[in-house]
Amino acid sequence: MIQAMQEVEINWPIKALFNYVADITNHTFWKNGTLDAVWVNGKNESGATFMELSGDQYTEYQITEFIPYQRRVICSTEGVSETYAFDFEPKGQHTILRLSVQVQTKISARVPGIAAFVGSDDLLRLKEILENEN
């Protein structure tokens, strides 16, 4: 298993930040390589699924945990098992956003999906976009 964690403090209130991150239509703005995201069934609840297009490939994800304004966990439903846990913690008027990633694989080499995601500056891009929005 490969694991990684990123953390960033964003000058946005927790509810607004959670809603922005949970809105999959925003993924194209801050997630590296994401070209499109569409709901398959449900919407922002445990068990809901959505598809993300990266390059020329769609990947389906399922929300496995959804606690409004606290935690959102998504897992890939096919291929390499990837889990992304987004944890939100208030800090005054700001929010600490932690992203933990786990990839279950038998391959000892680096897995391209995890390397692309964790190695990217997605959370820093998110911070820059949101704090420079006004």
N, C-alpha and C. Protein backbone atom coordinates (compact mmCIF):
# COMPACT_ATOMS: atom_id res chain seq x y z
N MET A 1 0.85 -1.18 0.00
CA MET A 1 0.00 0.00 0.00
C MET A 1 0.89 1.24 0.00
N ILE A 2 0.48 2.22 -0.77
CA ILE A 2 1.15 3.51 -0.83
C ILE A 2 0.26 4.52 -0.12
N GLN A 3 0.85 5.34 0.75
CA GLN A 3 0.09 6.35 1.48
C GLN A 3 0.78 7.70 1.36
N ALA A 4 -0.01 8.75 1.37
CA ALA A 4 0.53 10.11 1.35
C ALA A 4 -0.48 11.04 1.98
N MET A 5 0.00 12.21 2.45
CA MET A 5 -0.90 13.19 3.07
C MET A 5 -0.42 14.58 2.71
N GLN A 6 -1.38 15.45 2.43
CA GLN A 6 -1.11 16.86 2.19
C GLN A 6 -2.00 17.67 3.13
N GLU A 7 -1.55 18.86 3.48
CA GLU A 7 -2.34 19.74 4.34
C GLU A 7 -2.12 21.18 3.91
N VAL A 8 -3.21 21.96 3.97
CA VAL A 8 -3.10 23.37 3.62
C VAL A 8 -4.13 24.15 4.46
N GLU A 9 -3.77 25.37 4.80
CA GLU A 9 -4.71 26.27 5.48
C GLU A 9 -5.23 27.26 4.45
N ILE A 10 -6.56 27.34 4.34
CA ILE A 10 -7.19 28.19 3.34
C ILE A 10 -8.04 29.24 4.04
N ASN A 11 -7.92 30.46 3.59
CA ASN A 11 -8.64 31.58 4.18
C ASN A 11 -10.08 31.61 3.67
N TRP A 12 -10.81 30.57 4.00
CA TRP A 12 -12.23 30.43 3.68
C TRP A 12 -12.90 29.77 4.87
N PRO A 13 -14.14 30.12 5.18
CA PRO A 13 -14.86 29.44 6.25
C PRO A 13 -15.10 27.98 5.88
N ILE A 14 -15.19 27.13 6.88
CA ILE A 14 -15.28 25.69 6.68
C ILE A 14 -16.46 25.26 5.81
N LYS A 15 -17.64 25.84 6.02
CA LYS A 15 -18.81 25.43 5.23
C LYS A 15 -18.64 25.76 3.76
N ALA A 16 -18.15 26.96 3.47
CA ALA A 16 -17.95 27.36 2.08
C ALA A 16 -16.89 26.49 1.40
N LEU A 17 -15.80 26.21 2.11
CA LEU A 17 -14.73 25.38 1.53
C LEU A 17 -15.22 23.95 1.29
N PHE A 18 -15.92 23.39 2.27
CA PHE A 18 -16.44 22.03 2.11
C PHE A 18 -17.37 21.96 0.90
N ASN A 19 -18.27 22.91 0.78
CA ASN A 19 -19.21 22.92 -0.35
C ASN A 19 -18.48 23.05 -1.69
N TYR A 20 -17.44 23.86 -1.73
CA TYR A 20 -16.69 24.04 -2.98
C TYR A 20 -15.99 22.74 -3.38
N VAL A 21 -15.31 22.10 -2.42
CA VAL A 21 -14.59 20.86 -2.71
C VAL A 21 -15.56 19.73 -3.06
N ALA A 22 -16.70 19.67 -2.38
CA ALA A 22 -17.69 18.61 -2.61
C ALA A 22 -18.43 18.77 -3.94
N ASP A 23 -18.40 19.96 -4.52
CA ASP A 23 -19.05 20.20 -5.82
C ASP A 23 -18.12 19.71 -6.92
N ILE A 24 -18.43 18.54 -7.49
CA ILE A 24 -17.52 17.93 -8.45
C ILE A 24 -17.31 18.78 -9.71
N THR A 25 -18.22 19.69 -10.01
CA THR A 25 -18.02 20.54 -11.19
C THR A 25 -16.83 21.48 -10.99
N ASN A 26 -16.41 21.70 -9.75
CA ASN A 26 -15.24 22.53 -9.47
C ASN A 26 -13.92 21.78 -9.63
N HIS A 27 -13.97 20.45 -9.71
CA HIS A 27 -12.73 19.66 -9.80
C HIS A 27 -11.89 20.06 -11.01
N THR A 28 -12.53 20.48 -12.09
CA THR A 28 -11.77 20.85 -13.29
C THR A 28 -10.91 22.10 -13.07
N PHE A 29 -11.24 22.90 -12.07
CA PHE A 29 -10.48 24.12 -11.79
C PHE A 29 -9.24 23.86 -10.95
N TRP A 30 -9.33 22.92 -10.00
CA TRP A 30 -8.21 22.78 -9.06
C TRP A 30 -7.53 21.42 -9.04
N LYS A 31 -8.14 20.39 -9.61
CA LYS A 31 -7.51 19.07 -9.62
C LYS A 31 -6.73 18.87 -10.92
N ASN A 32 -5.45 18.65 -10.79
CA ASN A 32 -4.55 18.49 -11.92
C ASN A 32 -5.04 17.40 -12.87
N GLY A 33 -5.23 17.77 -14.13
CA GLY A 33 -5.58 16.80 -15.16
C GLY A 33 -7.05 16.46 -15.27
N THR A 34 -7.89 16.93 -14.37
CA THR A 34 -9.32 16.63 -14.44
C THR A 34 -9.97 17.53 -15.47
N LEU A 35 -10.56 16.89 -16.48
CA LEU A 35 -11.18 17.63 -17.58
C LEU A 35 -12.69 17.74 -17.45
N ASP A 36 -13.30 16.77 -16.74
CA ASP A 36 -14.75 16.75 -16.58
C ASP A 36 -15.09 15.89 -15.38
N ALA A 37 -16.23 16.14 -14.79
CA ALA A 37 -16.74 15.32 -13.69
C ALA A 37 -18.26 15.36 -13.74
N VAL A 38 -18.88 14.18 -13.69
CA VAL A 38 -20.35 14.09 -13.77
C VAL A 38 -20.85 13.06 -12.77
N TRP A 39 -22.01 13.34 -12.20
CA TRP A 39 -22.65 12.41 -11.27
C TRP A 39 -23.23 11.23 -12.05
N VAL A 40 -23.07 10.04 -11.49
CA VAL A 40 -23.65 8.83 -12.06
C VAL A 40 -24.95 8.51 -11.33
N ASN A 41 -24.88 8.49 -10.00
CA ASN A 41 -26.10 8.32 -9.20
C ASN A 41 -25.90 8.99 -7.85
N GLY A 42 -26.99 9.49 -7.31
CA GLY A 42 -26.90 10.22 -6.05
C GLY A 42 -26.15 11.52 -6.23
N LYS A 43 -25.92 12.20 -5.12
CA LYS A 43 -25.17 13.44 -5.16
C LYS A 43 -24.80 13.82 -3.73
N ASN A 44 -23.49 13.88 -3.46
CA ASN A 44 -22.98 14.30 -2.16
C ASN A 44 -23.66 13.60 -0.98
N GLU A 45 -23.59 12.27 -1.02
CA GLU A 45 -24.06 11.44 0.08
C GLU A 45 -23.31 10.12 0.01
N SER A 46 -23.21 9.42 1.11
CA SER A 46 -22.56 8.12 1.10
C SER A 46 -23.25 7.21 0.10
N GLY A 47 -22.46 6.54 -0.74
CA GLY A 47 -22.99 5.65 -1.76
C GLY A 47 -23.13 6.29 -3.13
N ALA A 48 -23.13 7.60 -3.22
CA ALA A 48 -23.23 8.28 -4.52
C ALA A 48 -21.97 8.01 -5.33
N THR A 49 -22.11 7.98 -6.66
CA THR A 49 -20.96 7.77 -7.53
C THR A 49 -20.87 8.88 -8.58
N PHE A 50 -19.64 9.14 -9.01
CA PHE A 50 -19.41 10.10 -10.08
C PHE A 50 -18.23 9.64 -10.93
N MET A 51 -18.15 10.18 -12.13
CA MET A 51 -17.07 9.87 -13.06
C MET A 51 -16.22 11.12 -13.26
N GLU A 52 -14.90 10.92 -13.32
CA GLU A 52 -13.98 12.00 -13.64
C GLU A 52 -13.21 11.62 -14.90
N LEU A 53 -13.07 12.59 -15.79
CA LEU A 53 -12.30 12.39 -17.01
C LEU A 53 -10.93 13.02 -16.83
N SER A 54 -9.89 12.20 -16.99
CA SER A 54 -8.50 12.66 -16.99
C SER A 54 -7.87 12.14 -18.27
N GLY A 55 -7.33 13.04 -19.06
CA GLY A 55 -6.80 12.61 -20.36
C GLY A 55 -7.95 12.07 -21.20
N ASP A 56 -7.83 10.81 -21.61
CA ASP A 56 -8.91 10.20 -22.40
C ASP A 56 -9.59 9.07 -21.64
N GLN A 57 -9.45 9.06 -20.31
CA GLN A 57 -9.98 7.97 -19.51
C GLN A 57 -10.89 8.47 -18.38
N TYR A 58 -12.06 7.85 -18.29
CA TYR A 58 -12.96 8.12 -17.16
C TYR A 58 -12.66 7.15 -16.03
N THR A 59 -12.70 7.64 -14.81
CA THR A 59 -12.58 6.81 -13.62
C THR A 59 -13.81 7.04 -12.77
N GLU A 60 -14.42 5.95 -12.29
CA GLU A 60 -15.59 6.08 -11.43
C GLU A 60 -15.15 6.07 -9.97
N TYR A 61 -15.76 6.96 -9.19
CA TYR A 61 -15.50 7.06 -7.76
C TYR A 61 -16.81 6.95 -7.00
N GLN A 62 -16.72 6.39 -5.81
CA GLN A 62 -17.89 6.31 -4.93
C GLN A 62 -17.57 7.07 -3.64
N ILE A 63 -18.54 7.83 -3.17
CA ILE A 63 -18.39 8.48 -1.87
C ILE A 63 -18.69 7.43 -0.81
N THR A 64 -17.70 7.11 0.00
CA THR A 64 -17.87 6.07 1.02
C THR A 64 -18.13 6.65 2.40
N GLU A 65 -17.83 7.93 2.57
CA GLU A 65 -18.13 8.61 3.84
C GLU A 65 -18.39 10.07 3.54
N PHE A 66 -19.47 10.58 4.09
CA PHE A 66 -19.84 11.97 3.85
C PHE A 66 -20.40 12.55 5.15
N ILE A 67 -19.59 13.36 5.82
CA ILE A 67 -20.01 14.05 7.04
C ILE A 67 -19.91 15.54 6.72
N PRO A 68 -21.06 16.19 6.49
CA PRO A 68 -21.03 17.59 6.07
C PRO A 68 -20.14 18.46 6.95
N TYR A 69 -19.29 19.24 6.28
CA TYR A 69 -18.41 20.23 6.87
C TYR A 69 -17.31 19.61 7.74
N GLN A 70 -17.10 18.28 7.63
CA GLN A 70 -16.05 17.62 8.39
C GLN A 70 -15.20 16.69 7.54
N ARG A 71 -15.86 15.77 6.80
CA ARG A 71 -15.09 14.71 6.12
C ARG A 71 -15.83 14.22 4.88
N ARG A 72 -15.04 13.94 3.85
CA ARG A 72 -15.55 13.36 2.61
C ARG A 72 -14.50 12.37 2.11
N VAL A 73 -14.92 11.11 1.94
CA VAL A 73 -14.00 10.07 1.49
C VAL A 73 -14.53 9.50 0.19
N ILE A 74 -13.66 9.44 -0.83
CA ILE A 74 -14.04 8.85 -2.10
C ILE A 74 -13.06 7.72 -2.44
N CYS A 75 -13.59 6.68 -3.10
CA CYS A 75 -12.78 5.52 -3.49
C CYS A 75 -13.04 5.21 -4.95
N SER A 76 -11.98 4.84 -5.66
CA SER A 76 -12.17 4.39 -7.04
C SER A 76 -12.91 3.06 -7.00
N THR A 77 -13.72 2.81 -8.02
CA THR A 77 -14.54 1.59 -8.02
C THR A 77 -14.00 0.53 -8.96
N GLU A 78 -12.93 0.84 -9.68
CA GLU A 78 -12.38 -0.13 -10.63
C GLU A 78 -10.88 0.07 -10.75
N GLY A 79 -10.18 -0.93 -11.26
CA GLY A 79 -8.74 -0.81 -11.45
C GLY A 79 -8.00 -0.76 -10.12
N VAL A 80 -6.98 0.07 -10.05
CA VAL A 80 -6.19 0.23 -8.83
C VAL A 80 -7.07 0.85 -7.75
N SER A 81 -7.04 0.31 -6.55
CA SER A 81 -7.86 0.81 -5.45
C SER A 81 -7.24 2.08 -4.86
N GLU A 82 -7.91 3.21 -5.09
CA GLU A 82 -7.45 4.51 -4.58
C GLU A 82 -8.51 5.07 -3.64
N THR A 83 -8.06 5.58 -2.48
CA THR A 83 -8.95 6.20 -1.52
C THR A 83 -8.42 7.59 -1.20
N TYR A 84 -9.31 8.59 -1.28
CA TYR A 84 -8.96 9.98 -0.99
C TYR A 84 -9.85 10.47 0.15
N ALA A 85 -9.25 10.82 1.28
CA ALA A 85 -10.01 11.32 2.44
C ALA A 85 -9.71 12.80 2.61
N PHE A 86 -10.76 13.62 2.52
CA PHE A 86 -10.66 15.05 2.72
C PHE A 86 -11.20 15.37 4.11
N ASP A 87 -10.36 15.90 4.99
CA ASP A 87 -10.78 16.28 6.34
C ASP A 87 -10.67 17.78 6.50
N PHE A 88 -11.72 18.37 7.06
CA PHE A 88 -11.84 19.82 7.20
C PHE A 88 -11.87 20.16 8.69
N GLU A 89 -11.02 21.12 9.09
CA GLU A 89 -10.95 21.53 10.49
C GLU A 89 -10.98 23.06 10.55
N PRO A 90 -11.92 23.62 11.32
CA PRO A 90 -11.98 25.08 11.42
C PRO A 90 -10.78 25.62 12.19
N LYS A 91 -10.30 26.78 11.77
CA LYS A 91 -9.24 27.49 12.49
C LYS A 91 -9.58 28.97 12.40
N GLY A 92 -10.40 29.44 13.34
CA GLY A 92 -10.91 30.80 13.27
C GLY A 92 -11.79 30.93 12.05
N GLN A 93 -11.53 31.94 11.21
CA GLN A 93 -12.27 32.12 9.97
C GLN A 93 -11.66 31.32 8.81
N HIS A 94 -10.56 30.62 9.07
CA HIS A 94 -9.89 29.83 8.06
C HIS A 94 -10.27 28.36 8.24
N THR A 95 -9.77 27.53 7.33
CA THR A 95 -10.00 26.09 7.41
C THR A 95 -8.70 25.35 7.09
N ILE A 96 -8.41 24.35 7.89
CA ILE A 96 -7.32 23.43 7.60
C ILE A 96 -7.93 22.29 6.77
N LEU A 97 -7.39 22.04 5.60
CA LEU A 97 -7.84 20.95 4.74
C LEU A 97 -6.72 19.92 4.66
N ARG A 98 -7.02 18.69 5.08
CA ARG A 98 -6.06 17.59 5.01
C ARG A 98 -6.55 16.58 3.98
N LEU A 99 -5.66 16.17 3.14
CA LEU A 99 -5.96 15.15 2.15
C LEU A 99 -5.06 13.96 2.39
N SER A 100 -5.66 12.81 2.70
CA SER A 100 -4.92 11.57 2.88
C SER A 100 -5.27 10.67 1.70
N VAL A 101 -4.25 10.07 1.11
CA VAL A 101 -4.43 9.22 -0.06
C VAL A 101 -3.83 7.85 0.25
N GLN A 102 -4.59 6.80 -0.09
CA GLN A 102 -4.09 5.43 0.03
C GLN A 102 -4.33 4.72 -1.29
N VAL A 103 -3.31 4.01 -1.74
CA VAL A 103 -3.43 3.23 -2.96
C VAL A 103 -3.03 1.80 -2.61
N GLN A 104 -3.94 0.88 -2.86
CA GLN A 104 -3.69 -0.53 -2.63
C GLN A 104 -3.24 -1.14 -3.94
N THR A 105 -2.02 -1.64 -3.98
CA THR A 105 -1.50 -2.21 -5.20
C THR A 105 -0.45 -3.27 -4.89
N LYS A 106 -0.29 -4.21 -5.77
CA LYS A 106 0.75 -5.22 -5.63
C LYS A 106 2.01 -4.80 -6.37
N ILE A 107 1.91 -3.71 -7.10
CA ILE A 107 3.04 -3.21 -7.88
C ILE A 107 3.98 -2.47 -6.94
N SER A 108 5.24 -2.81 -6.95
CA SER A 108 6.19 -2.16 -6.07
C SER A 108 6.66 -0.81 -6.61
N ALA A 109 6.55 -0.63 -7.92
CA ALA A 109 6.95 0.65 -8.52
C ALA A 109 5.90 1.71 -8.21
N ARG A 110 6.22 2.94 -8.51
CA ARG A 110 5.27 4.03 -8.29
C ARG A 110 4.05 3.85 -9.18
N VAL A 111 2.91 4.10 -8.61
CA VAL A 111 1.66 4.00 -9.36
C VAL A 111 1.38 5.36 -9.99
N PRO A 112 1.18 5.43 -11.33
CA PRO A 112 1.00 6.73 -11.98
C PRO A 112 -0.12 7.58 -11.39
N GLY A 113 -1.26 7.00 -11.06
CA GLY A 113 -2.37 7.79 -10.52
C GLY A 113 -2.01 8.49 -9.23
N ILE A 114 -1.42 7.78 -8.30
CA ILE A 114 -1.06 8.37 -7.01
C ILE A 114 0.08 9.37 -7.18
N ALA A 115 1.04 9.04 -8.02
CA ALA A 115 2.16 9.95 -8.22
C ALA A 115 1.67 11.26 -8.81
N ALA A 116 0.75 11.18 -9.77
CA ALA A 116 0.24 12.39 -10.40
C ALA A 116 -0.55 13.22 -9.41
N PHE A 117 -1.36 12.56 -8.54
CA PHE A 117 -2.20 13.31 -7.63
C PHE A 117 -1.41 13.88 -6.46
N VAL A 118 -0.69 13.01 -5.75
CA VAL A 118 0.01 13.47 -4.55
C VAL A 118 1.20 14.34 -4.91
N GLY A 119 1.81 14.07 -6.05
CA GLY A 119 2.95 14.86 -6.47
C GLY A 119 2.56 16.22 -7.02
N SER A 120 1.30 16.42 -7.24
CA SER A 120 0.84 17.68 -7.82
C SER A 120 0.69 18.74 -6.74
N ASP A 121 0.34 19.91 -7.18
CA ASP A 121 0.11 21.02 -6.25
C ASP A 121 -1.37 21.32 -6.15
N ASP A 122 -2.21 20.28 -6.16
CA ASP A 122 -3.65 20.48 -6.18
C ASP A 122 -4.16 21.33 -5.01
N LEU A 123 -3.74 21.03 -3.80
CA LEU A 123 -4.25 21.80 -2.67
C LEU A 123 -3.72 23.23 -2.68
N LEU A 124 -2.49 23.41 -3.12
CA LEU A 124 -1.96 24.78 -3.24
C LEU A 124 -2.68 25.54 -4.34
N ARG A 125 -3.01 24.84 -5.43
CA ARG A 125 -3.80 25.47 -6.51
C ARG A 125 -5.17 25.87 -5.98
N LEU A 126 -5.80 24.97 -5.22
CA LEU A 126 -7.10 25.26 -4.63
C LEU A 126 -7.03 26.51 -3.75
N LYS A 127 -6.02 26.57 -2.89
CA LYS A 127 -5.83 27.72 -2.01
C LYS A 127 -5.68 29.01 -2.82
N GLU A 128 -4.83 28.97 -3.84
CA GLU A 128 -4.59 30.16 -4.66
C GLU A 128 -5.87 30.62 -5.37
N ILE A 129 -6.59 29.68 -5.94
CA ILE A 129 -7.83 30.01 -6.66
C ILE A 129 -8.83 30.67 -5.72
N LEU A 130 -9.04 30.08 -4.56
CA LEU A 130 -10.06 30.56 -3.64
C LEU A 130 -9.69 31.87 -2.97
N GLU A 131 -8.44 32.01 -2.58
CA GLU A 131 -8.04 33.21 -1.86
C GLU A 131 -7.85 34.40 -2.79
N ASN A 132 -7.67 34.15 -4.07
CA ASN A 132 -7.54 35.24 -5.05
C ASN A 132 -8.82 35.51 -5.80
N GLU A 133 -9.89 34.80 -5.42
CA GLU A 133 -11.16 34.92 -6.11
C GLU A 133 -11.80 36.30 -5.97
N ASN A 134 -11.62 36.91 -4.82
CA ASN A 134 -12.30 38.21 -4.55
C ASN A 134 -11.65 39.36 -5.26
